[in-house]
Amino acid sequence: MTITAPVSTVTAAVECVDLSYQFATHLAVDHVNLSIAPGEMYGLLGPNGAGKTTTIRMITTLLTPGTGSVRVFGIDAAVRPMHVRRVIGYVPQALSADANLTGVENVDLFARLFDVPRRVRKQRVDEALSAMGLTEAASRLAGTYSGGDDAVAGHSGPGGRDDRKHHVRRTATLPPGKSLGPVVGGARSQRPF
């Protein structure tokens, strides 16, 4: 996938320079250059296998770029990956809950993945579960959730419980002072950069 977007003089929320990634013999991302301004909504469109998810994984520090660089709010993602994770929100579309963990354990695991500081992690997890009306269900194993409360386990399509699951996880990993709008049915609403 090759993407080139205009570059601005404003400090970019996300900046990719000559970003590339290769899986064995398959070049998944081919010299992506883009700059996303703070507050700007940006989408990556393309067919399956075009490199969209690979690009997002490099931006969010889940993959190390093969070549090129990523900066998030001026922070070099290769040098300070955990700092980048603290200032962004990312919920992978295919990440599902572990049925052998409770709802609160699943959300806590996600908060730990994004390095929510230990001193505030429990509070953030509790607030996220409470905001979605899942406090009572949160202590049960995710695999025992019924169709009405499996927001953390997530077994439905767009606009349904998967959106509540993503909302809970995003709320638990929010940087201080950030808030989310309502869950939008039929859309994977991600926090803008």
Protein backbone atom coordinates (compact mmCIF):
# COMPACT_ATOMS: atom_id res chain seq x y z
CA MET A 1 0.00 0.00 0.00
CA THR A 2 1.35 3.43 -0.90
CA ILE A 3 -0.18 6.54 0.68
CA THR A 4 0.99 10.10 0.37
CA ALA A 5 -0.83 12.89 2.20
CA PRO A 6 0.02 16.59 2.37
CA VAL A 7 2.54 17.54 5.05
CA SER A 8 1.81 20.57 7.27
CA THR A 9 4.04 22.87 9.34
CA VAL A 10 1.80 22.29 12.40
CA THR A 11 3.09 19.59 14.78
CA ALA A 12 1.28 16.53 13.54
CA ALA A 13 -0.74 14.24 15.73
CA VAL A 14 0.57 11.40 13.55
CA GLU A 15 3.39 11.61 11.08
CA CYS A 16 4.69 8.69 9.03
CA VAL A 17 7.76 9.10 6.83
CA ASP A 18 8.65 6.41 4.28
CA LEU A 19 6.93 3.79 6.42
CA SER A 20 7.34 0.25 5.05
CA TYR A 21 6.79 -3.28 6.33
CA GLN A 22 7.36 -6.67 4.77
CA PHE A 23 6.06 -10.09 5.82
CA ALA A 24 8.53 -12.65 4.40
CA THR A 25 8.25 -11.97 0.65
CA HIS A 26 5.03 -9.87 0.81
CA LEU A 27 5.50 -6.09 0.94
CA ALA A 28 2.48 -5.06 3.04
CA VAL A 29 3.25 -1.35 3.43
CA ASP A 30 5.26 0.48 0.78
CA HIS A 31 6.75 3.87 1.77
CA VAL A 32 3.71 5.47 3.41
CA ASN A 33 4.06 9.22 4.00
CA LEU A 34 1.26 10.95 5.84
CA SER A 35 0.64 13.71 8.31
CA ILE A 36 -2.53 13.92 10.41
CA ALA A 37 -3.23 17.20 12.19
CA PRO A 38 -4.48 17.27 15.80
CA GLY A 39 -8.27 16.89 15.85
CA GLU A 40 -8.41 15.63 12.26
CA MET A 41 -10.33 12.45 11.42
CA TYR A 42 -8.47 10.22 9.00
CA GLY A 43 -9.34 6.89 7.45
CA LEU A 44 -7.32 4.25 5.63
CA LEU A 45 -9.34 2.66 2.86
CA GLY A 46 -8.39 -0.22 0.65
CA PRO A 47 -9.04 -3.87 -0.14
CA ASN A 48 -8.09 -6.73 2.16
CA GLY A 49 -4.34 -7.13 2.24
CA ALA A 50 -3.61 -3.52 1.27
CA GLY A 51 -1.69 -2.84 4.49
CA LYS A 52 -4.21 -0.79 6.47
CA THR A 53 -4.00 -2.84 9.67
CA THR A 54 -0.22 -3.19 9.38
CA THR A 55 0.09 0.61 9.08
CA ILE A 56 -2.13 1.14 12.15
CA ARG A 57 -0.12 -1.44 14.11
CA MET A 58 3.09 0.44 13.33
CA ILE A 59 1.53 3.78 14.33
CA THR A 60 0.31 2.28 17.62
CA THR A 61 3.70 0.63 18.31
CA LEU A 62 2.37 -2.92 18.10
CA LEU A 63 4.74 -3.54 15.15
CA THR A 64 8.18 -2.04 14.60
CA PRO A 65 8.47 -0.46 11.14
CA GLY A 66 10.69 -2.29 8.68
CA THR A 67 11.86 1.09 7.38
CA GLY A 68 10.80 4.67 7.92
CA SER A 69 9.56 6.40 11.03
CA VAL A 70 6.42 7.19 13.02
CA ARG A 71 5.91 10.18 15.31
CA VAL A 72 2.81 10.68 17.43
CA PHE A 73 2.44 14.22 18.77
CA GLY A 74 6.17 14.62 18.07
CA ILE A 75 7.11 11.46 20.00
CA ASP A 76 9.28 8.98 18.11
CA ALA A 77 7.34 5.71 18.32
CA ALA A 78 10.51 3.60 17.97
CA VAL A 79 12.30 5.39 20.82
CA ARG A 80 9.38 5.87 23.26
CA PRO A 81 6.66 3.32 22.38
CA MET A 82 5.01 3.27 25.83
CA HIS A 83 4.80 7.06 25.83
CA VAL A 84 3.03 6.88 22.45
CA ARG A 85 0.58 4.30 23.85
CA ARG A 86 -0.25 6.68 26.71
CA VAL A 87 -1.31 9.49 24.36
CA ILE A 88 -3.36 7.51 21.86
CA GLY A 89 -6.34 5.19 21.96
CA TYR A 90 -6.52 2.07 19.85
CA VAL A 91 -8.95 -0.84 19.91
CA PRO A 92 -8.12 -3.56 17.39
CA GLN A 93 -11.18 -4.76 15.54
CA ALA A 94 -10.44 -8.46 15.96
CA LEU A 95 -9.29 -8.50 19.60
CA SER A 96 -11.77 -10.58 21.57
CA ALA A 97 -12.08 -11.22 25.25
CA ASP A 98 -10.71 -14.25 27.00
CA ALA A 99 -13.71 -16.31 28.12
CA ASN A 100 -11.69 -17.64 31.09
CA LEU A 101 -11.22 -14.15 32.57
CA THR A 102 -13.85 -11.99 34.23
CA GLY A 103 -15.09 -8.85 32.54
CA VAL A 104 -13.03 -6.68 34.88
CA GLU A 105 -9.93 -8.83 34.25
CA ASN A 106 -10.40 -8.43 30.47
CA VAL A 107 -10.66 -4.64 30.71
CA ASP A 108 -7.75 -4.52 33.18
CA LEU A 109 -5.64 -6.58 30.76
CA PHE A 110 -6.36 -4.09 27.99
CA ALA A 111 -5.50 -1.17 30.31
CA ARG A 112 -2.20 -2.87 31.16
CA LEU A 113 -1.47 -3.42 27.46
CA PHE A 114 -1.69 0.35 26.98
CA ASP A 115 0.35 1.02 30.11
CA VAL A 116 -2.34 2.79 32.12
CA PRO A 117 -0.41 3.62 35.30
CA ARG A 118 -0.99 1.16 38.14
CA ARG A 119 -1.98 3.94 40.57
CA VAL A 120 -5.02 4.89 38.41
CA ARG A 121 -5.71 1.62 36.57
CA LYS A 122 -8.36 0.20 38.94
CA GLN A 123 -10.20 3.53 38.98
CA ARG A 124 -10.16 3.77 35.17
CA VAL A 125 -11.35 0.18 34.74
CA ASP A 126 -14.16 0.69 37.29
CA GLU A 127 -15.20 3.97 35.65
CA ALA A 128 -15.26 2.37 32.21
CA LEU A 129 -17.38 -0.56 33.37
CA SER A 130 -19.72 1.75 35.30
CA ALA A 131 -20.14 4.11 32.33
CA MET A 132 -21.42 1.19 30.27
CA GLY A 133 -23.64 -0.28 33.01
CA LEU A 134 -21.48 -3.38 33.42
CA THR A 135 -20.46 -3.17 37.06
CA GLU A 136 -22.58 -6.17 38.14
CA ALA A 137 -21.58 -8.39 35.18
CA ALA A 138 -17.90 -7.46 35.42
CA SER A 139 -17.08 -9.98 38.17
CA ARG A 140 -18.35 -12.97 36.17
CA LEU A 141 -16.33 -15.00 33.67
CA ALA A 142 -16.74 -13.46 30.22
CA GLY A 143 -17.63 -16.90 28.84
CA THR A 144 -20.76 -17.01 31.04
CA TYR A 145 -22.23 -13.72 29.79
CA SER A 146 -25.67 -13.86 28.25
CA GLY A 147 -26.66 -12.05 25.07
CA GLY A 148 -27.80 -9.05 27.11
CA ASP A 149 -24.58 -8.35 29.00
CA ASP A 150 -21.67 -9.67 26.98
CA ALA A 151 -20.37 -6.22 26.12
CA VAL A 152 -16.95 -7.14 27.46
CA ALA A 153 -17.03 -10.61 25.88
CA GLY A 154 -18.32 -9.08 22.63
CA HIS A 155 -20.34 -11.48 20.54
CA SER A 156 -22.33 -9.27 18.21
CA GLY A 157 -21.97 -7.19 15.09
CA PRO A 158 -21.77 -3.46 14.32
CA GLY A 159 -23.99 -1.23 16.42
CA GLY A 160 -24.41 -3.87 19.11
CA ARG A 161 -22.50 -5.21 22.06
CA ASP A 162 -19.16 -5.13 20.22
CA ASP A 163 -19.46 -1.35 20.14
CA ARG A 164 -20.09 -1.31 23.92
CA LYS A 165 -17.06 -3.60 24.40
CA HIS A 166 -14.88 -1.25 22.38
CA HIS A 167 -16.26 1.76 24.26
CA VAL A 168 -15.40 0.16 27.63
CA ARG A 169 -11.86 -0.63 26.50
CA ARG A 170 -11.30 2.84 25.04
CA THR A 171 -12.63 4.49 28.21
CA ALA A 172 -10.28 2.44 30.38
CA THR A 173 -7.25 3.49 28.30
CA LEU A 174 -8.03 7.20 27.89
CA PRO A 175 -5.26 9.63 28.64
CA PRO A 176 -6.05 12.04 31.53
CA GLY A 177 -8.50 14.79 30.59
CA LYS A 178 -9.89 13.03 27.53
CA SER A 179 -13.51 12.02 27.09
CA LEU A 180 -15.50 10.05 24.55
CA GLY A 181 -18.69 10.80 22.71
CA PRO A 182 -21.54 8.31 22.58
CA VAL A 183 -21.12 4.87 21.06
CA VAL A 184 -22.23 5.19 17.45
CA GLY A 185 -24.28 2.27 16.12
CA GLY A 186 -22.87 0.68 13.00
CA ALA A 187 -19.51 2.46 13.29
CA ARG A 188 -16.24 1.68 14.95
CA SER A 189 -15.88 5.20 16.28
CA GLN A 190 -12.25 5.73 17.20
CA ARG A 191 -11.04 8.77 19.10
CA PRO A 192 -9.71 11.32 16.60
CA PHE A 193 -5.99 12.03 16.69
